[in-house]
Full PDB file with SEQRES, HELIX, SHEET, SSBOND, CRYST1, ORIGX, SCALE, CONECT and MASTER records, all heavy atoms in Angstrom:
SEQRES   1 A   44  GLY PRO VAL THR ILE ARG ALA THR VAL TRP TYR SER ARG          
SEQRES   2 A   44  VAL VAL SER SER VAL ALA GLU HIS LEU LYS ILE PRO ALA          
SEQRES   3 A   44  ASP GLU ILE GLU ARG VAL LYS MET SER GLU HIS THR THR          
SEQRES   4 A   44  VAL PHE THR VAL THR                                          
HELIX    1 AA1 SER A   16  LEU A   22  1                                   7    
HELIX    2 AA2 ALA A   26  GLU A   28  5                                   3    
SHEET    1 AA1 2 PRO A   2  TYR A  11  0                                        
SHEET    2 AA1 2 VAL A  32  THR A  42 -1                                        
CRYST1    1.000    1.000    1.000  90.00  90.00  90.00 P 1           1          
ORIGX1      1.000000  0.000000  0.000000        0.00000                         
ORIGX2      0.000000  1.000000  0.000000        0.00000                         
ORIGX3      0.000000  0.000000  1.000000        0.00000                         
SCALE1      1.000000  0.000000  0.000000        0.00000                         
SCALE2      0.000000  1.000000  0.000000        0.00000                         
SCALE3      0.000000  0.000000  1.000000        0.00000                         
ATOM      1  N   GLY A   1     -61.029   7.266  -8.965  1.00  0.00           N  
ATOM      2  CA  GLY A   1     -61.316   5.860  -8.701  1.00  0.00           C  
ATOM      3  C   GLY A   1     -60.603   5.378  -7.453  1.00  0.00           C  
ATOM      4  O   GLY A   1     -59.926   6.139  -6.769  1.00  0.00           O  
ATOM      5  N   PRO A   2     -60.742   4.095  -7.165  1.00  0.00           N  
ATOM      6  CA  PRO A   2     -60.153   3.543  -5.940  1.00  0.00           C  
ATOM      7  C   PRO A   2     -58.626   3.407  -6.044  1.00  0.00           C  
ATOM      8  O   PRO A   2     -58.083   3.127  -7.107  1.00  0.00           O  
ATOM      9  CB  PRO A   2     -60.809   2.174  -5.810  1.00  0.00           C  
ATOM     10  CG  PRO A   2     -61.239   1.816  -7.188  1.00  0.00           C  
ATOM     11  CD  PRO A   2     -61.524   3.099  -7.899  1.00  0.00           C  
ATOM     12  N   VAL A   3     -57.962   3.647  -4.922  1.00  0.00           N  
ATOM     13  CA  VAL A   3     -56.504   3.459  -4.795  1.00  0.00           C  
ATOM     14  C   VAL A   3     -56.289   2.570  -3.575  1.00  0.00           C  
ATOM     15  O   VAL A   3     -56.846   2.820  -2.510  1.00  0.00           O  
ATOM     16  CB  VAL A   3     -55.772   4.805  -4.608  1.00  0.00           C  
ATOM     17  CG1 VAL A   3     -54.290   4.579  -4.359  1.00  0.00           C  
ATOM     18  CG2 VAL A   3     -55.983   5.709  -5.803  1.00  0.00           C  
ATOM     19  N   THR A   4     -55.503   1.533  -3.728  1.00  0.00           N  
ATOM     20  CA  THR A   4     -55.218   0.615  -2.642  1.00  0.00           C  
ATOM     21  C   THR A   4     -53.779   0.799  -2.178  1.00  0.00           C  
ATOM     22  O   THR A   4     -52.857   0.794  -2.993  1.00  0.00           O  
ATOM     23  CB  THR A   4     -55.427  -0.851  -3.087  1.00  0.00           C  
ATOM     24  OG1 THR A   4     -56.774  -1.007  -3.537  1.00  0.00           O  
ATOM     25  CG2 THR A   4     -55.151  -1.827  -1.960  1.00  0.00           C  
ATOM     26  N   ILE A   5     -53.613   0.971  -0.859  1.00  0.00           N  
ATOM     27  CA  ILE A   5     -52.290   1.087  -0.255  1.00  0.00           C  
ATOM     28  C   ILE A   5     -52.120  -0.102   0.681  1.00  0.00           C  
ATOM     29  O   ILE A   5     -52.985  -0.373   1.514  1.00  0.00           O  
ATOM     30  CB  ILE A   5     -52.163   2.388   0.583  1.00  0.00           C  
ATOM     31  CG1 ILE A   5     -52.507   3.615  -0.246  1.00  0.00           C  
ATOM     32  CG2 ILE A   5     -50.804   2.484   1.228  1.00  0.00           C  
ATOM     33  CD1 ILE A   5     -51.523   3.915  -1.345  1.00  0.00           C  
ATOM     34  N   ARG A   6     -50.993  -0.798   0.561  1.00  0.00           N  
ATOM     35  CA  ARG A   6     -50.729  -1.940   1.436  1.00  0.00           C  
ATOM     36  C   ARG A   6     -49.379  -1.742   2.114  1.00  0.00           C  
ATOM     37  O   ARG A   6     -48.383  -1.428   1.473  1.00  0.00           O  
ATOM     38  CB  ARG A   6     -50.723  -3.253   0.658  1.00  0.00           C  
ATOM     39  CG  ARG A   6     -50.500  -4.447   1.579  1.00  0.00           C  
ATOM     40  CD  ARG A   6     -50.586  -5.790   0.879  1.00  0.00           C  
ATOM     41  NE  ARG A   6     -49.627  -5.862  -0.204  1.00  0.00           N  
ATOM     42  CZ  ARG A   6     -49.926  -6.327  -1.415  1.00  0.00           C  
ATOM     43  NH1 ARG A   6     -51.135  -6.735  -1.701  1.00  0.00           N  
ATOM     44  NH2 ARG A   6     -48.995  -6.381  -2.351  1.00  0.00           N  
ATOM     45  N   ALA A   7     -49.366  -1.923   3.428  1.00  0.00           N  
ATOM     46  CA  ALA A   7     -48.128  -1.834   4.206  1.00  0.00           C  
ATOM     47  C   ALA A   7     -47.881  -3.190   4.855  1.00  0.00           C  
ATOM     48  O   ALA A   7     -48.801  -3.808   5.394  1.00  0.00           O  
ATOM     49  CB  ALA A   7     -48.244  -0.758   5.271  1.00  0.00           C  
ATOM     50  N   THR A   8     -46.643  -3.655   4.792  1.00  0.00           N  
ATOM     51  CA  THR A   8     -46.283  -4.946   5.365  1.00  0.00           C  
ATOM     52  C   THR A   8     -45.090  -4.762   6.292  1.00  0.00           C  
ATOM     53  O   THR A   8     -44.131  -4.064   5.942  1.00  0.00           O  
ATOM     54  CB  THR A   8     -45.914  -5.950   4.252  1.00  0.00           C  
ATOM     55  OG1 THR A   8     -46.988  -6.006   3.304  1.00  0.00           O  
ATOM     56  CG2 THR A   8     -45.672  -7.339   4.811  1.00  0.00           C  
ATOM     57  N   VAL A   9     -45.151  -5.385   7.460  1.00  0.00           N  
ATOM     58  CA  VAL A   9     -44.033  -5.363   8.405  1.00  0.00           C  
ATOM     59  C   VAL A   9     -43.366  -6.732   8.364  1.00  0.00           C  
ATOM     60  O   VAL A   9     -44.024  -7.761   8.539  1.00  0.00           O  
ATOM     61  CB  VAL A   9     -44.506  -5.064   9.847  1.00  0.00           C  
ATOM     62  CG1 VAL A   9     -43.346  -5.148  10.828  1.00  0.00           C  
ATOM     63  CG2 VAL A   9     -45.156  -3.691   9.908  1.00  0.00           C  
ATOM     64  N   TRP A  10     -42.070  -6.727   8.095  1.00  0.00           N  
ATOM     65  CA  TRP A  10     -41.284  -7.957   8.031  1.00  0.00           C  
ATOM     66  C   TRP A  10     -40.291  -7.981   9.183  1.00  0.00           C  
ATOM     67  O   TRP A  10     -39.729  -6.955   9.543  1.00  0.00           O  
ATOM     68  CB  TRP A  10     -40.512  -8.039   6.715  1.00  0.00           C  
ATOM     69  CG  TRP A  10     -41.388  -8.174   5.515  1.00  0.00           C  
ATOM     70  CD1 TRP A  10     -41.903  -7.164   4.762  1.00  0.00           C  
ATOM     71  CD2 TRP A  10     -41.863  -9.372   4.929  1.00  0.00           C  
ATOM     72  NE1 TRP A  10     -42.672  -7.655   3.746  1.00  0.00           N  
ATOM     73  CE2 TRP A  10     -42.658  -9.018   3.822  1.00  0.00           C  
ATOM     74  CE3 TRP A  10     -41.690 -10.716   5.235  1.00  0.00           C  
ATOM     75  CZ2 TRP A  10     -43.274  -9.972   3.026  1.00  0.00           C  
ATOM     76  CZ3 TRP A  10     -42.302 -11.655   4.428  1.00  0.00           C  
ATOM     77  CH2 TRP A  10     -43.086 -11.287   3.337  1.00  0.00           C  
ATOM     78  N   TYR A  11     -40.063  -9.140   9.752  1.00  0.00           N  
ATOM     79  CA  TYR A  11     -39.055  -9.324  10.801  1.00  0.00           C  
ATOM     80  C   TYR A  11     -37.875 -10.043  10.190  1.00  0.00           C  
ATOM     81  O   TYR A  11     -38.033 -11.025   9.455  1.00  0.00           O  
ATOM     82  CB  TYR A  11     -39.632 -10.153  11.949  1.00  0.00           C  
ATOM     83  CG  TYR A  11     -38.593 -10.584  12.948  1.00  0.00           C  
ATOM     84  CD1 TYR A  11     -38.058  -9.664  13.837  1.00  0.00           C  
ATOM     85  CD2 TYR A  11     -38.141 -11.897  12.993  1.00  0.00           C  
ATOM     86  CE1 TYR A  11     -37.091 -10.048  14.760  1.00  0.00           C  
ATOM     87  CE2 TYR A  11     -37.180 -12.289  13.903  1.00  0.00           C  
ATOM     88  CZ  TYR A  11     -36.662 -11.366  14.782  1.00  0.00           C  
ATOM     89  OH  TYR A  11     -35.703 -11.742  15.678  1.00  0.00           O  
ATOM     90  N   SER A  12     -36.696  -9.547  10.472  1.00  0.00           N  
ATOM     91  CA  SER A  12     -35.480 -10.178   9.985  1.00  0.00           C  
ATOM     92  C   SER A  12     -34.630 -10.558  11.188  1.00  0.00           C  
ATOM     93  O   SER A  12     -34.316  -9.712  12.029  1.00  0.00           O  
ATOM     94  CB  SER A  12     -34.717  -9.200   9.088  1.00  0.00           C  
ATOM     95  OG  SER A  12     -33.631  -9.835   8.487  1.00  0.00           O  
ATOM     96  N   ARG A  13     -34.292 -11.824  11.290  1.00  0.00           N  
ATOM     97  CA  ARG A  13     -33.534 -12.307  12.447  1.00  0.00           C  
ATOM     98  C   ARG A  13     -32.127 -11.715  12.503  1.00  0.00           C  
ATOM     99  O   ARG A  13     -31.564 -11.524  13.572  1.00  0.00           O  
ATOM    100  CB  ARG A  13     -33.447 -13.825  12.418  1.00  0.00           C  
ATOM    101  CG  ARG A  13     -34.769 -14.501  12.628  1.00  0.00           C  
ATOM    102  CD  ARG A  13     -34.626 -16.018  12.551  1.00  0.00           C  
ATOM    103  NE  ARG A  13     -35.912 -16.653  12.719  1.00  0.00           N  
ATOM    104  CZ  ARG A  13     -36.678 -17.051  11.717  1.00  0.00           C  
ATOM    105  NH1 ARG A  13     -36.291 -16.886  10.478  1.00  0.00           N  
ATOM    106  NH2 ARG A  13     -37.840 -17.614  11.956  1.00  0.00           N  
ATOM    107  N   VAL A  14     -31.587 -11.450  11.339  1.00  0.00           N  
ATOM    108  CA  VAL A  14     -30.229 -10.896  11.257  1.00  0.00           C  
ATOM    109  C   VAL A  14     -30.131 -10.071   9.981  1.00  0.00           C  
ATOM    110  O   VAL A  14     -30.751 -10.394   8.973  1.00  0.00           O  
ATOM    111  CB  VAL A  14     -29.165 -12.021  11.306  1.00  0.00           C  
ATOM    112  CG1 VAL A  14     -29.260 -12.940  10.108  1.00  0.00           C  
ATOM    113  CG2 VAL A  14     -27.762 -11.463  11.443  1.00  0.00           C  
ATOM    114  N   VAL A  15     -29.389  -8.996  10.029  1.00  0.00           N  
ATOM    115  CA  VAL A  15     -29.204  -8.128   8.867  1.00  0.00           C  
ATOM    116  C   VAL A  15     -28.475  -8.898   7.772  1.00  0.00           C  
ATOM    117  O   VAL A  15     -27.547  -9.674   8.056  1.00  0.00           O  
ATOM    118  CB  VAL A  15     -28.404  -6.872   9.283  1.00  0.00           C  
ATOM    119  CG1 VAL A  15     -28.131  -5.975   8.101  1.00  0.00           C  
ATOM    120  CG2 VAL A  15     -29.132  -6.128  10.372  1.00  0.00           C  
ATOM    121  N   SER A  16     -28.873  -8.689   6.523  1.00  0.00           N  
ATOM    122  CA  SER A  16     -28.316  -9.466   5.410  1.00  0.00           C  
ATOM    123  C   SER A  16     -26.795  -9.347   5.300  1.00  0.00           C  
ATOM    124  O   SER A  16     -26.113 -10.333   5.024  1.00  0.00           O  
ATOM    125  CB  SER A  16     -28.976  -9.077   4.097  1.00  0.00           C  
ATOM    126  OG  SER A  16     -28.774  -7.709   3.827  1.00  0.00           O  
ATOM    127  N   SER A  17     -26.249  -8.153   5.549  1.00  0.00           N  
ATOM    128  CA  SER A  17     -24.788  -7.996   5.447  1.00  0.00           C  
ATOM    129  C   SER A  17     -24.063  -8.827   6.508  1.00  0.00           C  
ATOM    130  O   SER A  17     -22.996  -9.392   6.250  1.00  0.00           O  
ATOM    131  CB  SER A  17     -24.389  -6.524   5.559  1.00  0.00           C  
ATOM    132  OG  SER A  17     -24.798  -5.985   6.805  1.00  0.00           O  
ATOM    133  N   VAL A  18     -24.654  -8.938   7.685  1.00  0.00           N  
ATOM    134  CA  VAL A  18     -24.067  -9.755   8.755  1.00  0.00           C  
ATOM    135  C   VAL A  18     -24.200 -11.230   8.394  1.00  0.00           C  
ATOM    136  O   VAL A  18     -23.254 -12.008   8.554  1.00  0.00           O  
ATOM    137  CB  VAL A  18     -24.739  -9.459  10.112  1.00  0.00           C  
ATOM    138  CG1 VAL A  18     -24.267 -10.423  11.182  1.00  0.00           C  
ATOM    139  CG2 VAL A  18     -24.474  -8.022  10.529  1.00  0.00           C  
ATOM    140  N   ALA A  19     -25.368 -11.619   7.898  1.00  0.00           N  
ATOM    141  CA  ALA A  19     -25.593 -13.013   7.502  1.00  0.00           C  
ATOM    142  C   ALA A  19     -24.600 -13.442   6.425  1.00  0.00           C  
ATOM    143  O   ALA A  19     -24.038 -14.544   6.491  1.00  0.00           O  
ATOM    144  CB  ALA A  19     -27.020 -13.187   7.011  1.00  0.00           C  
ATOM    145  N   GLU A  20     -24.364 -12.561   5.455  1.00  0.00           N  
ATOM    146  CA  GLU A  20     -23.395 -12.876   4.400  1.00  0.00           C  
ATOM    147  C   GLU A  20     -21.992 -13.000   4.978  1.00  0.00           C  
ATOM    148  O   GLU A  20     -21.252 -13.931   4.645  1.00  0.00           O  
ATOM    149  CB  GLU A  20     -23.432 -11.792   3.323  1.00  0.00           C  
ATOM    150  CG  GLU A  20     -24.699 -11.799   2.503  1.00  0.00           C  
ATOM    151  CD  GLU A  20     -24.829 -10.579   1.611  1.00  0.00           C  
ATOM    152  OE1 GLU A  20     -23.849  -9.831   1.448  1.00  0.00           O  
ATOM    153  OE2 GLU A  20     -25.942 -10.364   1.090  1.00  0.00           O  
ATOM    154  N   HIS A  21     -21.623 -12.071   5.843  1.00  0.00           N  
ATOM    155  CA  HIS A  21     -20.284 -12.089   6.448  1.00  0.00           C  
ATOM    156  C   HIS A  21     -20.061 -13.356   7.274  1.00  0.00           C  
ATOM    157  O   HIS A  21     -18.987 -13.956   7.229  1.00  0.00           O  
ATOM    158  CB  HIS A  21     -20.085 -10.854   7.329  1.00  0.00           C  
ATOM    159  CG  HIS A  21     -18.784 -10.817   8.040  1.00  0.00           C  
ATOM    160  ND1 HIS A  21     -17.599 -10.532   7.390  1.00  0.00           N  
ATOM    161  CD2 HIS A  21     -18.464 -11.033   9.336  1.00  0.00           C  
ATOM    162  CE1 HIS A  21     -16.609 -10.582   8.266  1.00  0.00           C  
ATOM    163  NE2 HIS A  21     -17.104 -10.882   9.452  1.00  0.00           N  
ATOM    164  N   LEU A  22     -21.080 -13.761   8.008  1.00  0.00           N  
ATOM    165  CA  LEU A  22     -20.970 -14.944   8.867  1.00  0.00           C  
ATOM    166  C   LEU A  22     -21.328 -16.243   8.151  1.00  0.00           C  
ATOM    167  O   LEU A  22     -21.270 -17.316   8.746  1.00  0.00           O  
ATOM    168  CB  LEU A  22     -21.867 -14.771  10.098  1.00  0.00           C  
ATOM    169  CG  LEU A  22     -21.524 -13.588  11.010  1.00  0.00           C  
ATOM    170  CD1 LEU A  22     -22.546 -13.463  12.135  1.00  0.00           C  
ATOM    171  CD2 LEU A  22     -20.107 -13.725  11.571  1.00  0.00           C  
ATOM    172  N   LYS A  23     -21.723 -16.115   6.875  1.00  0.00           N  
ATOM    173  CA  LYS A  23     -22.110 -17.275   6.055  1.00  0.00           C  
ATOM    174  C   LYS A  23     -23.218 -18.104   6.727  1.00  0.00           C  
ATOM    175  O   LYS A  23     -23.155 -19.325   6.794  1.00  0.00           O  
ATOM    176  CB  LYS A  23     -20.888 -18.125   5.726  1.00  0.00           C  
ATOM    177  CG  LYS A  23     -19.850 -17.388   4.901  1.00  0.00           C  
ATOM    178  CD  LYS A  23     -18.673 -18.251   4.591  1.00  0.00           C  
ATOM    179  CE  LYS A  23     -17.630 -17.606   3.710  1.00  0.00           C  
ATOM    180  NZ  LYS A  23     -17.395 -16.215   3.750  1.00  0.00           N  
ATOM    181  N   ILE A  24     -24.246 -17.415   7.199  1.00  0.00           N  
ATOM    182  CA  ILE A  24     -25.392 -18.078   7.823  1.00  0.00           C  
ATOM    183  C   ILE A  24     -26.254 -18.675   6.725  1.00  0.00           C  
ATOM    184  O   ILE A  24     -26.548 -18.014   5.732  1.00  0.00           O  
ATOM    185  CB  ILE A  24     -26.203 -17.059   8.666  1.00  0.00           C  
ATOM    186  CG1 ILE A  24     -25.328 -16.523   9.803  1.00  0.00           C  
ATOM    187  CG2 ILE A  24     -27.476 -17.696   9.200  1.00  0.00           C  
ATOM    188  CD1 ILE A  24     -25.964 -15.415  10.597  1.00  0.00           C  
ATOM    189  N   PRO A  25     -26.680 -19.925   6.879  1.00  0.00           N  
ATOM    190  CA  PRO A  25     -27.505 -20.565   5.840  1.00  0.00           C  
ATOM    191  C   PRO A  25     -28.794 -19.782   5.575  1.00  0.00           C  
ATOM    192  O   PRO A  25     -29.397 -19.220   6.492  1.00  0.00           O  
ATOM    193  CB  PRO A  25     -27.828 -21.944   6.434  1.00  0.00           C  
ATOM    194  CG  PRO A  25     -26.782 -22.180   7.471  1.00  0.00           C  
ATOM    195  CD  PRO A  25     -26.408 -20.829   7.999  1.00  0.00           C  
ATOM    196  N   ALA A  26     -29.208 -19.762   4.323  1.00  0.00           N  
ATOM    197  CA  ALA A  26     -30.372 -18.991   3.895  1.00  0.00           C  
ATOM    198  C   ALA A  26     -31.631 -19.343   4.679  1.00  0.00           C  
ATOM    199  O   ALA A  26     -32.425 -18.462   5.014  1.00  0.00           O  
ATOM    200  CB  ALA A  26     -30.609 -19.187   2.397  1.00  0.00           C  
ATOM    201  N   ASP A  27     -31.833 -20.624   5.004  1.00  0.00           N  
ATOM    202  CA  ASP A  27     -33.057 -21.009   5.714  1.00  0.00           C  
ATOM    203  C   ASP A  27     -33.095 -20.476   7.153  1.00  0.00           C  
ATOM    204  O   ASP A  27     -34.142 -20.438   7.776  1.00  0.00           O  
ATOM    205  CB  ASP A  27     -33.260 -22.521   5.692  1.00  0.00           C  
ATOM    206  CG  ASP A  27     -32.151 -23.273   6.413  1.00  0.00           C  
ATOM    207  OD1 ASP A  27     -30.997 -22.797   6.416  1.00  0.00           O  
ATOM    208  OD2 ASP A  27     -32.441 -24.352   6.964  1.00  0.00           O  
ATOM    209  N   GLU A  28     -31.959 -20.034   7.663  1.00  0.00           N  
ATOM    210  CA  GLU A  28     -31.913 -19.487   9.022  1.00  0.00           C  
ATOM    211  C   GLU A  28     -32.092 -17.967   9.049  1.00  0.00           C  
ATOM    212  O   GLU A  28     -32.195 -17.380  10.113  1.00  0.00           O  
ATOM    213  CB  GLU A  28     -30.593 -19.853   9.696  1.00  0.00           C  
ATOM    214  CG  GLU A  28     -30.454 -21.331   9.971  1.00  0.00           C  
ATOM    215  CD  GLU A  28     -29.163 -21.669  10.671  1.00  0.00           C  
ATOM    216  OE1 GLU A  28     -28.604 -20.784  11.348  1.00  0.00           O  
ATOM    217  OE2 GLU A  28     -28.711 -22.815  10.547  1.00  0.00           O  
ATOM    218  N   ILE A  29     -32.107 -17.346   7.879  1.00  0.00           N  
ATOM    219  CA  ILE A  29     -32.225 -15.883   7.843  1.00  0.00           C  
ATOM    220  C   ILE A  29     -33.441 -15.408   7.044  1.00  0.00           C  
ATOM    221  O   ILE A  29     -33.561 -14.236   6.731  1.00  0.00           O  
ATOM    222  CB  ILE A  29     -30.949 -15.227   7.262  1.00  0.00           C  
ATOM    223  CG1 ILE A  29     -30.689 -15.711   5.835  1.00  0.00           C  
ATOM    224  CG2 ILE A  29     -29.769 -15.471   8.157  1.00  0.00           C  
ATOM    225  CD1 ILE A  29     -29.637 -14.916   5.113  1.00  0.00           C  
ATOM    226  N   GLU A  30     -34.366 -16.317   6.762  1.00  0.00           N  
ATOM    227  CA  GLU A  30     -35.569 -15.926   6.021  1.00  0.00           C  
ATOM    228  C   GLU A  30     -36.347 -14.856   6.786  1.00  0.00           C  
ATOM    229  O   GLU A  30     -36.489 -14.940   8.000  1.00  0.00           O  
ATOM    230  CB  GLU A  30     -36.478 -17.132   5.794  1.00  0.00           C  
ATOM    231  CG  GLU A  30     -36.068 -17.976   4.627  1.00  0.00           C  
ATOM    232  CD  GLU A  30     -37.109 -19.046   4.321  1.00  0.00           C  
ATOM    233  OE1 GLU A  30     -38.322 -18.741   4.373  1.00  0.00           O  
ATOM    234  OE2 GLU A  30     -36.693 -20.166   4.032  1.00  0.00           O  
ATOM    235  N   ARG A  31     -36.841 -13.871   6.046  1.00  0.00           N  
ATOM    236  CA  ARG A  31     -37.693 -12.847   6.660  1.00  0.00           C  
ATOM    237  C   ARG A  31     -39.023 -13.477   7.054  1.00  0.00           C  
ATOM    238  O   ARG A  31     -39.511 -14.383   6.387  1.00  0.00           O  
ATOM    239  CB  ARG A  31     -37.945 -11.701   5.684  1.00  0.00           C  
ATOM    240  CG  ARG A  31     -36.699 -10.958   5.286  1.00  0.00           C  
ATOM    241  CD  ARG A  31     -37.007  -9.814   4.353  1.00  0.00           C  
ATOM    242  NE  ARG A  31     -37.843 -10.252   3.234  1.00  0.00           N  
ATOM    243  CZ  ARG A  31     -38.601  -9.441   2.508  1.00  0.00           C  
ATOM    244  NH1 ARG A  31     -38.613  -8.149   2.749  1.00  0.00           N  
ATOM    245  NH2 ARG A  31     -39.327  -9.892   1.518  1.00  0.00           N  
ATOM    246  N   VAL A  32     -39.620 -12.950   8.125  1.00  0.00           N  
ATOM    247  CA  VAL A  32     -40.903 -13.443   8.613  1.00  0.00           C  
ATOM    248  C   VAL A  32     -41.915 -12.301   8.516  1.00  0.00           C  
ATOM    249  O   VAL A  32     -41.683 -11.214   9.034  1.00  0.00           O  
ATOM    250  CB  VAL A  32     -40.788 -13.910  10.083  1.00  0.00           C  
ATOM    251  CG1 VAL A  32     -42.135 -14.371  10.610  1.00  0.00           C  
ATOM    252  CG2 VAL A  32     -39.738 -14.999  10.208  1.00  0.00           C  
ATOM    253  N   LYS A  33     -43.019 -12.567   7.838  1.00  0.00           N  
ATOM    254  CA  LYS A  33     -44.072 -11.559   7.716  1.00  0.00           C  
ATOM    255  C   LYS A  33     -44.802 -11.455   9.053  1.00  0.00           C  
ATOM    256  O   LYS A  33     -45.367 -12.432   9.547  1.00  0.00           O  
ATOM    257  CB  LYS A  33     -45.040 -11.949   6.605  1.00  0.00           C  
ATOM    258  CG  LYS A  33     -46.086 -10.920   6.308  1.00  0.00           C  
ATOM    259  CD  LYS A  33     -46.918 -11.414   5.137  1.00  0.00           C  
ATOM    260  CE  LYS A  33     -47.936 -10.434   4.700  1.00  0.00           C  
ATOM    261  NZ  LYS A  33     -48.680 -10.934   3.536  1.00  0.00           N  
ATOM    262  N   MET A  34     -44.775 -10.260   9.646  1.00  0.00           N  
ATOM    263  CA  MET A  34     -45.372 -10.058  10.961  1.00  0.00           C  
ATOM    264  C   MET A  34     -46.788  -9.489  10.875  1.00  0.00           C  
ATOM    265  O   MET A  34     -47.643  -9.830  11.670  1.00  0.00           O  
ATOM    266  CB  MET A  34     -44.504  -9.107  11.801  1.00  0.00           C  
ATOM    267  CG  MET A  34     -43.093  -9.611  12.022  1.00  0.00           C  
ATOM    268  SD  MET A  34     -43.031 -11.202  12.852  1.00  0.00           S  
ATOM    269  CE  MET A  34     -43.570 -10.750  14.478  1.00  0.00           C  
ATOM    270  N   SER A  35     -46.999  -8.573   9.935  1.00  0.00           N  
ATOM    271  CA  SER A  35     -48.289  -7.898   9.866  1.00  0.00           C  
ATOM    272  C   SER A  35     -48.474  -7.287   8.489  1.00  0.00           C  
ATOM    273  O   SER A  35     -47.501  -6.994   7.797  1.00  0.00           O  
ATOM    274  CB  SER A  35     -48.351  -6.804  10.931  1.00  0.00           C  
ATOM    275  OG  SER A  35     -49.575  -6.131  10.893  1.00  0.00           O  
ATOM    276  N   GLU A  36     -49.732  -7.103   8.133  1.00  0.00           N  
ATOM    277  CA  GLU A  36     -50.039  -6.438   6.869  1.00  0.00           C  
ATOM    278  C   GLU A  36     -51.337  -5.662   7.058  1.00  0.00           C  
ATOM    279  O   GLU A  36     -52.248  -6.126   7.752  1.00  0.00           O  
ATOM    280  CB  GLU A  36     -50.179  -7.457   5.753  1.00  0.00           C  
ATOM    281  CG  GLU A  36     -50.444  -6.832   4.399  1.00  0.00           C  
ATOM    282  CD  GLU A  36     -50.463  -7.869   3.297  1.00  0.00           C  
ATOM    283  OE1 GLU A  36     -51.540  -8.468   3.082  1.00  0.00           O  
ATOM    284  OE2 GLU A  36     -49.418  -8.076   2.681  1.00  0.00           O  
ATOM    285  N   HIS A  37     -51.394  -4.488   6.475  1.00  0.00           N  
ATOM    286  CA  HIS A  37     -52.610  -3.683   6.541  1.00  0.00           C  
ATOM    287  C   HIS A  37     -52.875  -3.089   5.163  1.00  0.00           C  
ATOM    288  O   HIS A  37     -51.944  -2.626   4.491  1.00  0.00           O  
ATOM    289  CB  HIS A  37     -52.479  -2.560   7.570  1.00  0.00           C  
ATOM    290  CG  HIS A  37     -53.707  -1.702   7.639  1.00  0.00           C  
ATOM    291  ND1 HIS A  37     -54.850  -2.108   8.282  1.00  0.00           N  
ATOM    292  CD2 HIS A  37     -53.979  -0.487   7.126  1.00  0.00           C  
ATOM    293  CE1 HIS A  37     -55.769  -1.170   8.161  1.00  0.00           C  
ATOM    294  NE2 HIS A  37     -55.268  -0.169   7.470  1.00  0.00           N  
ATOM    295  N   THR A  38     -54.126  -3.092   4.766  1.00  0.00           N  
ATOM    296  CA  THR A  38     -54.520  -2.539   3.482  1.00  0.00           C  
ATOM    297  C   THR A  38     -55.564  -1.446   3.707  1.00  0.00           C  
ATOM    298  O   THR A  38     -56.489  -1.628   4.503  1.00  0.00           O  
ATOM    299  CB  THR A  38     -55.099  -3.631   2.564  1.00  0.00           C  
ATOM    300  OG1 THR A  38     -54.106  -4.643   2.381  1.00  0.00           O  
ATOM    301  CG2 THR A  38     -55.492  -3.071   1.211  1.00  0.00           C  
ATOM    302  N   THR A  39     -55.377  -0.340   3.022  1.00  0.00           N  
ATOM    303  CA  THR A  39     -56.329   0.766   3.067  1.00  0.00           C  
ATOM    304  C   THR A  39     -56.729   1.100   1.635  1.00  0.00           C  
ATOM    305  O   THR A  39     -55.872   1.134   0.752  1.00  0.00           O  
ATOM    306  CB  THR A  39     -55.690   2.012   3.717  1.00  0.00           C  
ATOM    307  OG1 THR A  39     -55.359   1.695   5.064  1.00  0.00           O  
ATOM    308  CG2 THR A  39     -56.620   3.196   3.704  1.00  0.00           C  
ATOM    309  N   VAL A  40     -58.006   1.351   1.435  1.00  0.00           N  
ATOM    310  CA  VAL A  40     -58.501   1.738   0.119  1.00  0.00           C  
ATOM    311  C   VAL A  40     -59.173   3.109   0.257  1.00  0.00           C  
ATOM    312  O   VAL A  40     -59.949   3.310   1.179  1.00  0.00           O  
ATOM    313  CB  VAL A  40     -59.509   0.718  -0.447  1.00  0.00           C  
ATOM    314  CG1 VAL A  40     -60.029   1.158  -1.801  1.00  0.00           C  
ATOM    315  CG2 VAL A  40     -58.878  -0.656  -0.536  1.00  0.00           C  
ATOM    316  N   PHE A  41     -58.838   4.016  -0.640  1.00  0.00           N  
ATOM    317  CA  PHE A  41     -59.532   5.296  -0.676  1.00  0.00           C  
ATOM    318  C   PHE A  41     -59.900   5.586  -2.115  1.00  0.00           C  
ATOM    319  O   PHE A  41     -59.384   4.969  -3.049  1.00  0.00           O  
ATOM    320  CB  PHE A  41     -58.704   6.431  -0.050  1.00  0.00           C  
ATOM    321  CG  PHE A  41     -57.420   6.727  -0.761  1.00  0.00           C  
ATOM    322  CD1 PHE A  41     -57.367   7.632  -1.807  1.00  0.00           C  
ATOM    323  CD2 PHE A  41     -56.239   6.110  -0.361  1.00  0.00           C  
ATOM    324  CE1 PHE A  41     -56.169   7.907  -2.448  1.00  0.00           C  
ATOM    325  CE2 PHE A  41     -55.053   6.385  -0.985  1.00  0.00           C  
ATOM    326  CZ  PHE A  41     -55.018   7.287  -2.043  1.00  0.00           C  
ATOM    327  N   THR A  42     -60.817   6.527  -2.294  1.00  0.00           N  
ATOM    328  CA  THR A  42     -61.287   6.855  -3.632  1.00  0.00           C  
ATOM    329  C   THR A  42     -60.872   8.259  -4.006  1.00  0.00           C  
ATOM    330  O   THR A  42     -61.098   9.209  -3.259  1.00  0.00           O  
ATOM    331  CB  THR A  42     -62.826   6.734  -3.704  1.00  0.00           C  
ATOM    332  OG1 THR A  42     -63.195   5.402  -3.326  1.00  0.00           O  
ATOM    333  CG2 THR A  42     -63.332   7.021  -5.103  1.00  0.00           C  
ATOM    334  N   VAL A  43     -60.244   8.378  -5.158  1.00  0.00           N  
ATOM    335  CA  VAL A  43     -59.872   9.678  -5.707  1.00  0.00           C  
ATOM    336  C   VAL A  43     -61.091  10.210  -6.457  1.00  0.00           C  
ATOM    337  O   VAL A  43     -61.671   9.494  -7.285  1.00  0.00           O  
ATOM    338  CB  VAL A  43     -58.667   9.558  -6.680  1.00  0.00           C  
ATOM    339  CG1 VAL A  43     -58.384  10.888  -7.364  1.00  0.00           C  
ATOM    340  CG2 VAL A  43     -57.443   9.044  -5.940  1.00  0.00           C  
ATOM    341  N   THR A  44     -61.477  11.423  -6.128  1.00  0.00           N  
ATOM    342  CA  THR A  44     -62.605  12.048  -6.824  1.00  0.00           C  
ATOM    343  C   THR A  44     -62.090  13.223  -7.634  1.00  0.00           C  
ATOM    344  O   THR A  44     -61.067  13.814  -7.313  1.00  0.00           O  
ATOM    345  CB  THR A  44     -63.668  12.539  -5.832  1.00  0.00           C  
ATOM    346  OG1 THR A  44     -63.069  13.467  -4.952  1.00  0.00           O  
ATOM    347  CG2 THR A  44     -64.259  11.384  -5.041  1.00  0.00           C  
TER     348      THR A  44                                                      
MASTER        0    0    0    2    2    0    0    6  347    1    0    4          
END                                                                             
């Protein structure tokens, strides 16, 4: 039957460990969705 594969590219302004260390507010370090691609294939 069909199998769906989805890949998503996320952009992060700063690495979470650095953000935590520097106490950067959460709204300033939100990940941004850059791209997404979906492929469907059929298993026979």
